[in-house]
Protein backbone atom coordinates (compact mmCIF):
# COMPACT_ATOMS: atom_id res chain seq x y z
CA MET A 1 38.83 7.89 15.15
CA LYS A 2 37.20 5.60 12.75
CA LYS A 3 34.50 6.82 10.46
CA ARG A 4 30.65 5.61 11.74
CA ALA A 5 29.35 4.42 8.09
CA LEU A 6 25.71 6.04 7.79
CA LYS A 7 22.84 3.36 7.83
CA LEU A 8 19.86 4.01 6.59
CA SER A 9 16.68 2.53 8.66
CA THR A 10 13.37 0.83 6.09
CA THR A 11 11.66 4.30 6.82
CA HIS A 12 14.60 6.39 5.85
CA ILE A 13 14.66 4.51 2.72
CA ILE A 14 10.99 4.69 2.05
CA LEU A 15 11.52 8.34 2.41
CA LEU A 16 14.15 8.60 -0.05
CA SER A 17 12.63 6.49 -2.63
CA PHE A 18 9.66 8.77 -3.26
CA PHE A 19 11.88 11.70 -3.05
CA CYS A 20 14.14 10.14 -5.68
CA ALA A 21 10.78 9.74 -7.99
CA ILE A 22 9.56 12.78 -7.01
CA MET A 23 13.23 14.65 -8.28
CA LEU A 24 13.92 12.88 -11.29
CA GLY A 25 10.43 13.79 -12.29
CA THR A 26 11.14 16.77 -12.04
CA LEU A 27 13.60 16.54 -14.05
CA LEU A 28 12.03 15.14 -16.76
CA LEU A 29 8.62 17.01 -16.62
CA ALA A 30 10.83 20.54 -16.57
CA LEU A 31 12.29 19.48 -19.95
CA PRO A 32 10.63 21.71 -23.29
CA MET A 33 9.94 17.78 -24.38
CA SER A 34 7.85 17.58 -21.78
CA SER A 35 5.45 20.38 -22.22
CA ALA A 36 2.80 20.87 -25.06
CA ASP A 37 4.28 23.93 -26.52
CA GLY A 38 7.69 23.18 -26.60
CA HIS A 39 8.81 25.80 -23.89
CA SER A 40 9.68 24.04 -20.36
CA GLN A 41 7.07 25.16 -18.05
CA GLY A 42 9.69 25.52 -15.27
CA LEU A 43 10.56 24.25 -12.55
CA VAL A 44 8.41 25.41 -9.54
CA ASN A 45 5.56 23.88 -12.43
CA ALA A 46 7.82 20.65 -12.64
CA LEU A 47 7.87 20.05 -8.92
CA PHE A 48 4.10 20.59 -7.89
CA THR A 49 3.11 17.93 -11.20
CA ALA A 50 6.14 15.23 -10.03
CA THR A 51 5.05 15.35 -6.16
CA THR A 52 1.27 15.61 -6.81
CA ALA A 53 1.21 12.48 -9.30
CA THR A 54 3.88 10.49 -7.20
CA CYS A 55 1.80 10.57 -3.79
CA VAL A 56 -1.14 10.39 -6.53
CA THR A 57 -2.65 13.19 -4.63
CA GLY A 58 -4.49 14.78 -8.16
CA LEU A 59 -4.05 18.68 -7.17
CA VAL A 60 -2.90 20.74 -10.80
CA VAL A 61 -1.68 24.10 -11.36
CA VAL A 62 -1.74 24.44 -14.63
CA PRO A 63 -4.07 21.46 -16.97
CA THR A 64 -2.90 18.34 -17.90
CA VAL A 65 -4.68 17.74 -21.00
CA SER A 66 -3.31 21.05 -22.63
CA ALA A 67 -0.09 21.81 -20.67
CA TRP A 68 1.99 18.43 -21.22
CA SER A 69 3.16 16.31 -24.15
CA THR A 70 1.94 13.32 -24.89
CA PHE A 71 5.46 12.05 -23.38
CA GLY A 72 5.43 15.03 -20.19
CA GLN A 73 1.87 12.39 -19.71
CA VAL A 74 3.96 8.94 -20.11
CA VAL A 75 5.82 10.76 -17.32
CA ILE A 76 3.14 11.26 -15.23
CA LEU A 77 1.92 8.37 -15.59
CA LEU A 78 4.68 6.47 -14.74
CA LEU A 79 5.07 8.31 -11.63
CA ILE A 80 1.44 7.83 -10.87
CA GLN A 81 1.73 4.00 -10.98
CA LEU A 82 5.04 4.17 -9.08
CA GLY A 83 3.18 6.25 -6.31
CA GLY A 84 0.17 4.17 -6.05
CA LEU A 85 2.15 0.58 -5.66
CA GLY A 86 5.03 2.20 -3.63
CA ILE A 87 8.61 1.98 -5.32
CA ILE A 88 9.70 -0.27 -3.26
CA THR A 89 6.84 -2.19 -4.12
CA VAL A 90 7.84 -1.77 -7.79
CA MET A 91 11.40 -2.35 -7.15
CA SER A 92 11.20 -5.89 -5.71
CA GLY A 93 8.79 -6.62 -8.27
CA VAL A 94 11.48 -6.25 -10.67
CA ALA A 95 13.74 -8.33 -9.02
CA LEU A 96 11.20 -11.37 -8.50
CA MET A 97 10.92 -10.81 -12.49
CA PHE A 98 14.29 -11.64 -12.43
CA HIS A 99 14.53 -14.48 -10.19
CA ARG A 100 16.65 -12.82 -7.64
CA LYS A 101 15.75 -13.24 -3.64
CA MET A 102 14.95 -11.11 -1.56
CA GLY A 103 16.51 -11.16 2.11
CA LEU A 104 15.88 -10.35 5.32
CA ALA A 105 16.67 -6.78 4.39
CA GLY A 106 14.05 -6.72 1.62
CA ASN A 107 11.87 -8.55 3.59
CA MET A 108 11.52 -5.60 6.17
CA LEU A 109 12.10 -3.07 3.71
CA LEU A 110 8.45 -3.87 2.57
CA GLN A 111 7.07 -5.09 5.71
CA ASP A 112 7.71 -0.87 6.48
CA ALA A 113 6.30 0.13 2.83
CA PHE A 114 3.07 -1.99 3.15
CA ASN A 115 3.14 -1.54 6.94
CA LEU A 116 2.47 -4.97 7.67
CA ASN A 117 2.62 -7.30 10.83
CA THR A 118 4.95 -10.30 9.26
CA LEU A 119 7.43 -11.30 7.14
CA SER A 120 6.56 -14.15 5.74
CA GLY A 121 5.07 -14.77 2.51
CA LEU A 122 5.90 -11.31 1.18
CA SER A 123 7.47 -12.09 -1.97
CA SER A 124 4.05 -13.88 -2.80
CA PHE A 125 2.11 -11.02 -1.65
CA VAL A 126 3.58 -8.53 -3.56
CA LYS A 127 3.59 -10.62 -6.60
CA LYS A 128 -0.55 -10.92 -6.73
CA VAL A 129 -0.50 -7.10 -5.55
CA ILE A 130 1.55 -6.01 -8.85
CA ALA A 131 -0.60 -8.99 -10.66
CA GLY A 132 -3.72 -7.78 -9.65
CA THR A 133 -3.03 -4.24 -10.59
CA PHE A 134 -2.37 -4.42 -13.18
CA ILE A 135 -5.77 -7.10 -14.10
CA ILE A 136 -7.96 -3.90 -12.32
CA GLU A 137 -6.34 -1.81 -14.25
CA GLY A 138 -6.92 -3.06 -17.24
CA ILE A 139 -10.34 -4.38 -16.58
CA GLY A 140 -11.55 -0.27 -16.26
CA ALA A 141 -9.22 0.60 -19.29
CA LEU A 142 -11.13 -1.96 -21.28
CA LEU A 143 -14.48 -0.27 -19.82
CA TYR A 144 -13.41 3.18 -20.59
CA MET A 145 -12.60 2.79 -24.26
CA THR A 146 -16.53 2.14 -25.11
CA VAL A 147 -17.02 5.43 -23.53
CA PHE A 148 -13.84 7.65 -24.45
CA VAL A 149 -12.82 5.88 -28.18
CA PRO A 150 -16.22 7.01 -29.38
CA ASP A 151 -16.11 10.55 -27.89
CA PHE A 152 -12.11 11.08 -28.92
CA GLY A 153 -11.34 8.37 -31.41
CA LEU A 154 -8.47 6.69 -31.06
CA ARG A 155 -6.62 8.77 -28.34
CA GLY A 156 -9.18 7.53 -25.94
CA ILE A 157 -7.15 4.45 -25.51
CA TRP A 158 -4.34 6.68 -24.06
CA ILE A 159 -7.16 8.40 -22.10
CA SER A 160 -8.78 5.39 -20.52
CA VAL A 161 -5.17 3.97 -19.90
CA PHE A 162 -4.34 7.13 -18.34
CA THR A 163 -7.66 7.39 -16.65
CA ALA A 164 -8.06 3.58 -14.96
CA VAL A 165 -4.85 3.78 -13.75
CA SER A 166 -5.36 7.81 -12.38
CA ALA A 167 -8.32 6.52 -10.42
CA PHE A 168 -6.78 2.30 -8.93
CA CYS A 169 -3.94 4.61 -7.59
CA ASN A 170 -6.29 7.16 -6.27
CA ALA A 171 -4.64 9.50 -7.81
CA GLY A 172 -7.18 12.22 -9.90
CA ILE A 173 -4.74 13.48 -12.10
CA ASP A 174 -7.34 12.96 -16.19
CA ILE A 175 -5.97 13.71 -19.50
CA ILE A 176 -10.32 14.17 -20.33
CA GLY A 177 -10.83 18.47 -19.95
CA THR A 178 -9.91 21.03 -17.64
CA VAL A 179 -12.73 20.08 -15.74
CA SER A 180 -12.20 16.82 -14.01
CA LEU A 181 -15.23 14.25 -14.89
CA CYS A 182 -17.97 17.14 -14.92
CA ASP A 183 -18.55 16.74 -18.34
CA TYR A 184 -19.60 12.63 -17.90
CA ALA A 185 -21.43 13.57 -14.06
CA VAL A 186 -24.02 11.68 -15.45
CA ASN A 187 -23.00 9.22 -17.15
CA PRO A 188 -23.43 6.01 -15.13
CA LEU A 189 -20.86 3.86 -16.79
CA ILE A 190 -17.80 6.34 -16.34
CA ASN A 191 -19.27 6.85 -12.48
CA THR A 192 -19.53 3.27 -12.13
CA VAL A 193 -15.96 2.46 -13.21
CA THR A 194 -14.76 4.98 -11.87
CA GLY A 195 -16.11 4.44 -8.08
CA LEU A 196 -15.22 0.75 -8.23
CA LEU A 197 -11.15 0.85 -8.92
CA ILE A 198 -11.45 3.61 -6.80
CA VAL A 199 -13.00 1.84 -4.37
CA LEU A 200 -10.65 -1.35 -4.96
CA GLY A 201 -7.51 0.87 -4.63
CA GLY A 202 -8.88 2.78 -1.74
CA ILE A 203 -10.00 -0.40 0.21
CA GLY A 204 -6.48 -2.16 0.91
CA TYR A 205 -4.52 -4.80 -0.49
CA ILE A 206 -5.20 -6.85 2.58
CA VAL A 207 -8.89 -7.18 2.33
CA TRP A 208 -8.53 -8.37 -1.46
CA TRP A 209 -6.23 -11.95 -0.58
CA ASP A 210 -8.82 -11.63 2.56
CA PHE A 211 -12.37 -11.94 0.96
CA ILE A 212 -10.97 -14.48 -2.31
CA ARG A 213 -9.41 -16.60 0.65
CA VAL A 214 -12.82 -16.66 2.86
CA ILE A 215 -14.38 -16.88 -1.15
CA THR A 216 -12.59 -19.64 -1.72
CA GLN A 217 -13.15 -21.61 1.26
CA TYR A 218 -16.70 -20.71 0.93
CA LYS A 219 -17.98 -24.47 -0.41
CA LYS A 220 -16.04 -26.31 1.73
CA LYS A 221 -17.04 -24.41 4.40
CA LYS A 222 -20.33 -23.21 4.23
CA GLY A 223 -21.60 -20.43 6.47
CA ASN A 224 -21.58 -16.17 6.94
CA ILE A 225 -18.77 -15.08 5.12
CA PHE A 226 -18.46 -11.96 6.36
CA LYS A 227 -17.82 -14.01 9.89
CA ARG A 228 -15.41 -15.21 8.40
CA LEU A 229 -13.06 -12.93 7.54
CA THR A 230 -10.45 -11.27 9.93
CA LEU A 231 -10.52 -8.22 11.85
CA HIS A 232 -8.49 -6.01 9.79
CA SER A 233 -11.05 -6.76 6.93
CA LYS A 234 -14.55 -6.80 8.87
CA ILE A 235 -13.08 -3.62 10.11
CA ALA A 236 -12.34 -1.33 6.85
CA LEU A 237 -14.96 -2.66 5.42
CA THR A 238 -17.83 -2.10 7.80
CA ALA A 239 -16.17 1.88 8.10
CA THR A 240 -15.73 2.02 4.39
CA ALA A 241 -19.55 0.96 3.32
CA VAL A 242 -20.88 3.35 6.32
CA LEU A 243 -17.87 6.62 5.24
CA LEU A 244 -19.28 5.91 1.75
CA PHE A 245 -23.42 5.95 2.06
CA GLY A 246 -23.64 7.94 5.34
CA GLY A 247 -21.27 10.61 2.81
CA ALA A 248 -23.81 10.18 -0.38
CA ALA A 249 -26.62 10.59 2.42
CA LEU A 250 -25.53 13.80 3.52
CA PHE A 251 -24.48 14.96 0.63
CA PHE A 252 -27.90 14.17 -0.79
CA VAL A 253 -30.05 16.56 1.69
CA LEU A 254 -27.37 19.03 1.73
CA GLU A 255 -26.98 19.60 -1.74
CA TYR A 256 -30.36 18.87 -2.97
CA ASN A 257 -32.02 22.24 -3.86
CA ASN A 258 -28.26 23.49 -4.76
CA SER A 259 -28.70 24.35 -8.42
CA LEU A 260 -25.07 25.11 -9.36
CA THR A 261 -24.66 21.61 -8.09
CA ILE A 262 -27.50 18.90 -8.60
CA GLY A 263 -30.85 21.14 -8.12
CA ASP A 264 -32.08 21.08 -11.68
CA MET A 265 -31.06 17.67 -11.89
CA SER A 266 -33.46 14.03 -11.72
CA LEU A 267 -33.34 11.51 -9.34
CA PHE A 268 -31.81 9.19 -10.12
CA ASP A 269 -28.94 11.53 -11.11
CA LYS A 270 -28.54 12.67 -7.67
CA ILE A 271 -28.19 9.99 -6.29
CA GLN A 272 -25.23 9.10 -8.83
CA ILE A 273 -23.41 11.94 -7.99
CA CYS A 274 -23.74 12.16 -4.96
CA LEU A 275 -22.61 8.41 -4.42
CA PHE A 276 -19.71 9.46 -6.63
CA GLN A 277 -19.07 13.29 -4.47
CA SER A 278 -18.92 10.58 -1.19
CA VAL A 279 -16.56 8.28 -2.96
CA THR A 280 -13.89 10.94 -4.06
CA THR A 281 -13.71 12.63 -1.58
CA ARG A 282 -12.02 9.21 -0.16
CA THR A 283 -8.60 10.37 -1.59
CA ALA A 284 -9.38 10.06 -4.74
CA GLY A 285 -9.51 14.08 -6.10
CA PHE A 286 -12.06 13.20 -9.57
CA ALA A 287 -14.89 15.56 -9.36
CA THR A 288 -18.15 15.30 -10.88
CA VAL A 289 -19.26 19.48 -9.69
CA PRO A 290 -17.52 21.71 -9.56
CA GLN A 291 -16.03 22.28 -5.88
CA GLU A 292 -16.43 25.45 -4.93
CA ASN A 293 -20.22 25.21 -5.47
CA LEU A 294 -21.20 23.37 -2.50
CA THR A 295 -22.92 24.76 -0.23
CA GLU A 296 -20.78 25.46 2.88
CA ALA A 297 -22.14 22.56 5.08
CA SER A 298 -21.14 19.86 2.26
CA ALA A 299 -17.76 21.49 1.96
CA ILE A 300 -17.67 21.01 6.24
CA VAL A 301 -18.63 17.01 5.59
CA ALA A 302 -15.89 16.69 2.27
CA LEU A 303 -13.51 17.68 4.64
CA LEU A 304 -13.78 15.00 7.18
CA LEU A 305 -14.11 12.26 4.60
CA MET A 306 -10.60 13.59 3.11
CA PHE A 307 -9.48 13.78 6.45
CA ILE A 308 -10.14 9.75 6.84
CA GLY A 309 -9.93 9.15 3.33
CA GLY A 310 -9.68 5.03 2.64
CA SER A 311 -8.13 1.80 4.06
CA PRO A 312 -4.71 0.29 5.49
CA VAL A 313 -2.03 -1.13 2.42
CA GLY A 314 -3.45 0.51 -0.26
CA THR A 315 -3.56 3.41 -2.73
CA ALA A 316 -5.45 5.63 -0.52
CA GLY A 317 -3.77 8.29 1.78
CA GLY A 318 -5.69 10.28 5.01
CA ILE A 319 -5.67 8.65 8.00
CA LYS A 320 -7.34 5.81 7.17
CA THR A 321 -10.73 4.25 8.62
CA VAL A 322 -9.73 1.50 10.47
CA THR A 323 -7.23 4.18 12.80
CA ILE A 324 -10.85 5.90 13.26
CA THR A 325 -12.97 3.00 14.06
CA VAL A 326 -10.27 2.09 16.55
CA LEU A 327 -9.75 5.47 17.85
CA PHE A 328 -14.22 5.13 18.35
CA ALA A 329 -13.82 2.05 19.67
CA ALA A 330 -10.88 3.34 22.43
CA ALA A 331 -13.35 5.92 23.53
CA TYR A 332 -16.17 3.20 23.61
CA ALA A 333 -13.81 2.08 25.72
CA ALA A 334 -13.38 4.87 27.99
CA ILE A 335 -16.83 5.82 28.16
CA LYS A 336 -17.11 2.22 29.34
CA ASN A 337 -14.68 1.99 32.03
CA ARG A 338 -13.37 -0.60 30.07
CA ASN A 339 -9.48 -2.03 30.40
CA GLU A 340 -9.31 -3.66 26.36
CA VAL A 341 -10.75 -2.44 23.57
CA SER A 342 -12.82 -5.29 21.68
CA MET A 343 -14.63 -4.80 17.77
CA PHE A 344 -16.68 -8.02 16.45
CA SER A 345 -15.96 -10.11 19.90
CA ARG A 346 -12.21 -9.10 19.37
CA THR A 347 -9.69 -7.22 21.17
CA VAL A 348 -7.40 -4.93 19.27
CA SER A 349 -3.44 -4.72 20.53
CA LYS A 350 -2.79 -1.64 22.46
CA GLN A 351 -0.31 -0.90 20.45
CA ALA A 352 -2.77 -0.61 17.74
CA VAL A 353 -4.80 1.62 19.77
CA SER A 354 -1.31 3.70 20.33
CA LYS A 355 -0.51 3.97 16.97
CA ALA A 356 -4.21 5.31 15.71
CA ILE A 357 -3.47 8.18 18.18
CA GLY A 358 -0.21 8.84 16.72
CA VAL A 359 -1.30 8.51 12.90
CA THR A 360 -4.00 11.41 13.31
CA CYS A 361 -2.51 13.80 16.02
CA MET A 362 0.33 14.34 12.95
CA SER A 363 -1.62 14.52 10.29
CA PHE A 364 -4.22 17.04 12.34
CA THR A 365 -0.25 18.77 12.93
CA ILE A 366 0.75 18.65 9.31
CA MET A 367 -3.08 19.78 8.31
CA PHE A 368 -3.15 22.54 11.09
CA VAL A 369 0.04 24.20 9.95
CA SER A 370 0.11 23.65 6.26
CA THR A 371 -3.24 25.18 6.65
CA VAL A 372 -2.15 28.27 9.27
CA LEU A 373 1.04 28.92 6.61
CA LEU A 374 -1.14 28.87 3.56
CA ALA A 375 -3.60 31.42 5.66
CA THR A 376 -0.28 33.78 5.81
CA THR A 377 0.12 33.96 2.34
CA THR A 378 -2.68 33.46 -0.09
CA ASP A 379 -5.68 35.84 -0.29
CA ALA A 380 -8.58 33.17 -0.12
CA PRO A 381 -11.39 32.49 1.72
CA ALA A 382 -10.69 30.21 5.21
CA LEU A 383 -13.27 27.43 3.79
CA ASP A 384 -11.21 27.23 0.53
CA ILE A 385 -7.96 27.29 2.39
CA LEU A 386 -8.79 24.16 4.61
CA TYR A 387 -10.13 22.92 1.50
CA GLU A 388 -6.91 22.45 -0.27
CA THR A 389 -4.63 21.57 2.64
CA VAL A 390 -6.69 18.92 3.96
CA SER A 391 -6.86 17.67 0.01
CA ALA A 392 -3.25 18.34 -0.09
CA THR A 393 -2.45 16.58 3.57
CA ALA A 394 -4.93 13.71 3.04
CA THR A 395 -3.35 13.18 -0.93
CA VAL A 396 -7.17 13.69 -2.32
CA GLY A 397 -6.85 16.50 -4.91
CA LEU A 398 -9.84 18.14 -4.60
CA THR A 399 -10.00 22.18 -4.72
CA ARG A 400 -12.31 24.65 -5.13
CA ASN A 401 -10.57 25.63 -7.76
CA LEU A 402 -7.66 27.59 -5.73
CA THR A 403 -4.96 25.42 -6.77
CA PRO A 404 -4.34 27.60 -9.86
CA SER A 405 -4.09 30.89 -8.37
CA LEU A 406 -1.32 29.71 -5.27
CA ASN A 407 1.87 32.02 -5.64
CA LEU A 408 5.49 30.37 -5.28
CA ILE A 409 4.75 29.71 -1.41
CA GLY A 410 1.72 28.75 -1.39
CA ARG A 411 2.36 26.34 -3.97
CA LEU A 412 5.55 25.46 -2.06
CA ILE A 413 3.87 24.36 1.14
CA ILE A 414 0.86 22.10 -0.81
CA ILE A 415 4.15 20.59 -2.39
CA ALA A 416 5.47 19.98 1.35
CA SER A 417 2.00 18.71 2.40
CA MET A 418 1.50 16.19 -0.02
CA TYR A 419 4.85 14.49 0.36
CA LEU A 420 4.31 14.81 3.96
CA GLY A 421 1.15 13.16 3.33
CA ARG A 422 2.00 10.40 1.47
CA VAL A 423 4.77 9.02 3.45
CA GLY A 424 3.20 8.87 6.76
CA PRO A 425 3.30 10.43 10.06
CA ILE A 426 4.18 7.79 11.80
CA SER A 427 6.94 6.88 8.98
CA LEU A 428 8.02 10.64 9.22
CA ALA A 429 8.44 10.54 12.95
CA VAL A 430 10.59 7.43 12.74
CA ALA A 431 12.65 8.77 10.32
CA PHE A 432 13.92 11.56 12.63
CA THR A 433 14.31 9.56 15.03
CA PHE A 434 17.27 7.96 14.67
CA LYS A 435 18.49 7.13 18.57
CA LYS A 436 16.26 4.31 19.98
CA GLN A 437 15.28 4.04 23.30
CA ASN A 438 15.52 1.58 25.48
CA ASP A 439 11.72 1.99 27.66
CA ASN A 440 13.99 -1.11 30.75
CA ILE A 441 16.47 0.94 31.01
CA VAL A 442 14.58 3.69 32.55
CA LYS A 443 10.82 3.92 34.32
CA ASN A 444 9.69 7.34 35.83
CA PRO A 445 7.14 7.35 38.33
CA THR A 446 3.33 7.13 37.42
CA GLU A 447 1.01 10.46 38.93
CA ILE A 448 -2.28 10.81 38.50
CA ILE A 449 -3.15 13.67 36.03
CA SER A 450 -7.13 15.40 35.56
CA VAL A 451 -8.08 15.04 31.29
CA GLY A 452 -11.06 15.60 29.47
């Protein structure tokens, strides 16, 4: 019998690329030279750190600033950049830099990596994504230097670069101290720059270029800029604005008198901290107030924002803003007994609705299973455990101070959650579906059931 060649789908390649990056990062971080004290941090800590960096999550079991040497921090930063852009994107960018043409297989791989619906113009898209990423991260680093260089001297340059990359990639890992950005909670520049980097990274590359397209055409075609955007951009921008300002308003009301967070601060400081909290829960992971000090009501709001996350084709995680918006639109259409789901005078495809349902169900399943497993192995309040698992699966990085105290099994559960959350529930489902089914072969009879 002839041996059948093993053919990997684009989804399998994407999954393996992240897995290989994590494994390589683990080996490098397990080296004694990666540790600040010259002794290896151990395979588990190295694996956890490599996973949280590659999956741009931000949960850490050891302080990044004190546990890792400069070499170790460089490895972590490279993993964050790889994870934020995507390994396939970086590899394609390197190939294009050497003037290598991308064939059909390469374009299909990029299409799946970016979750796009078209194969046209992908080479140009990759170039613009990489160039835009480095430009924005560079500007962010320069702005950070105005604060960090006076505070830390020449080391402030490295801190600025690290923080800019981590913020844009929505990673939430920093080398400033052991309390994230809490020491800069009321610094307007740090809040503004970090918030903008998070939003720009999480809004999605598609929205970038669509917005630039509309702006460049504005002089030729006068009119409402928002109306000229694509449906995807309209949904992403609207949902982002509603979640950002709505979340900030809820945090402001729920934390107003909480002396452990913003209760004793001025009105301006309360506003900027609540805005930052709303932004960072959208999968960024930086904290300007200890998450364990939040009221239970605020923590529940944060859970919802973390679960939703950022927008598609960006650096953020979660089920995505467009997904949740499509679900609500589909529910509204069902209530109104309409056959089509529509938004902004446009009809949403049935494929998009089906995918939104699939992504949400798979994400919820992963979070539920990881929460139950962690609860059986960890002696901690239920809210803290749920906060940890949602943060891991949605690749957020916020914790109610539970991560460092996790035991071995708990750490392995969170590692698995971060990986599954980054590669995507739909990608995971497709990756393990080796045989494609042809829906045209057999059509089962339809039967009415009761729902609701």
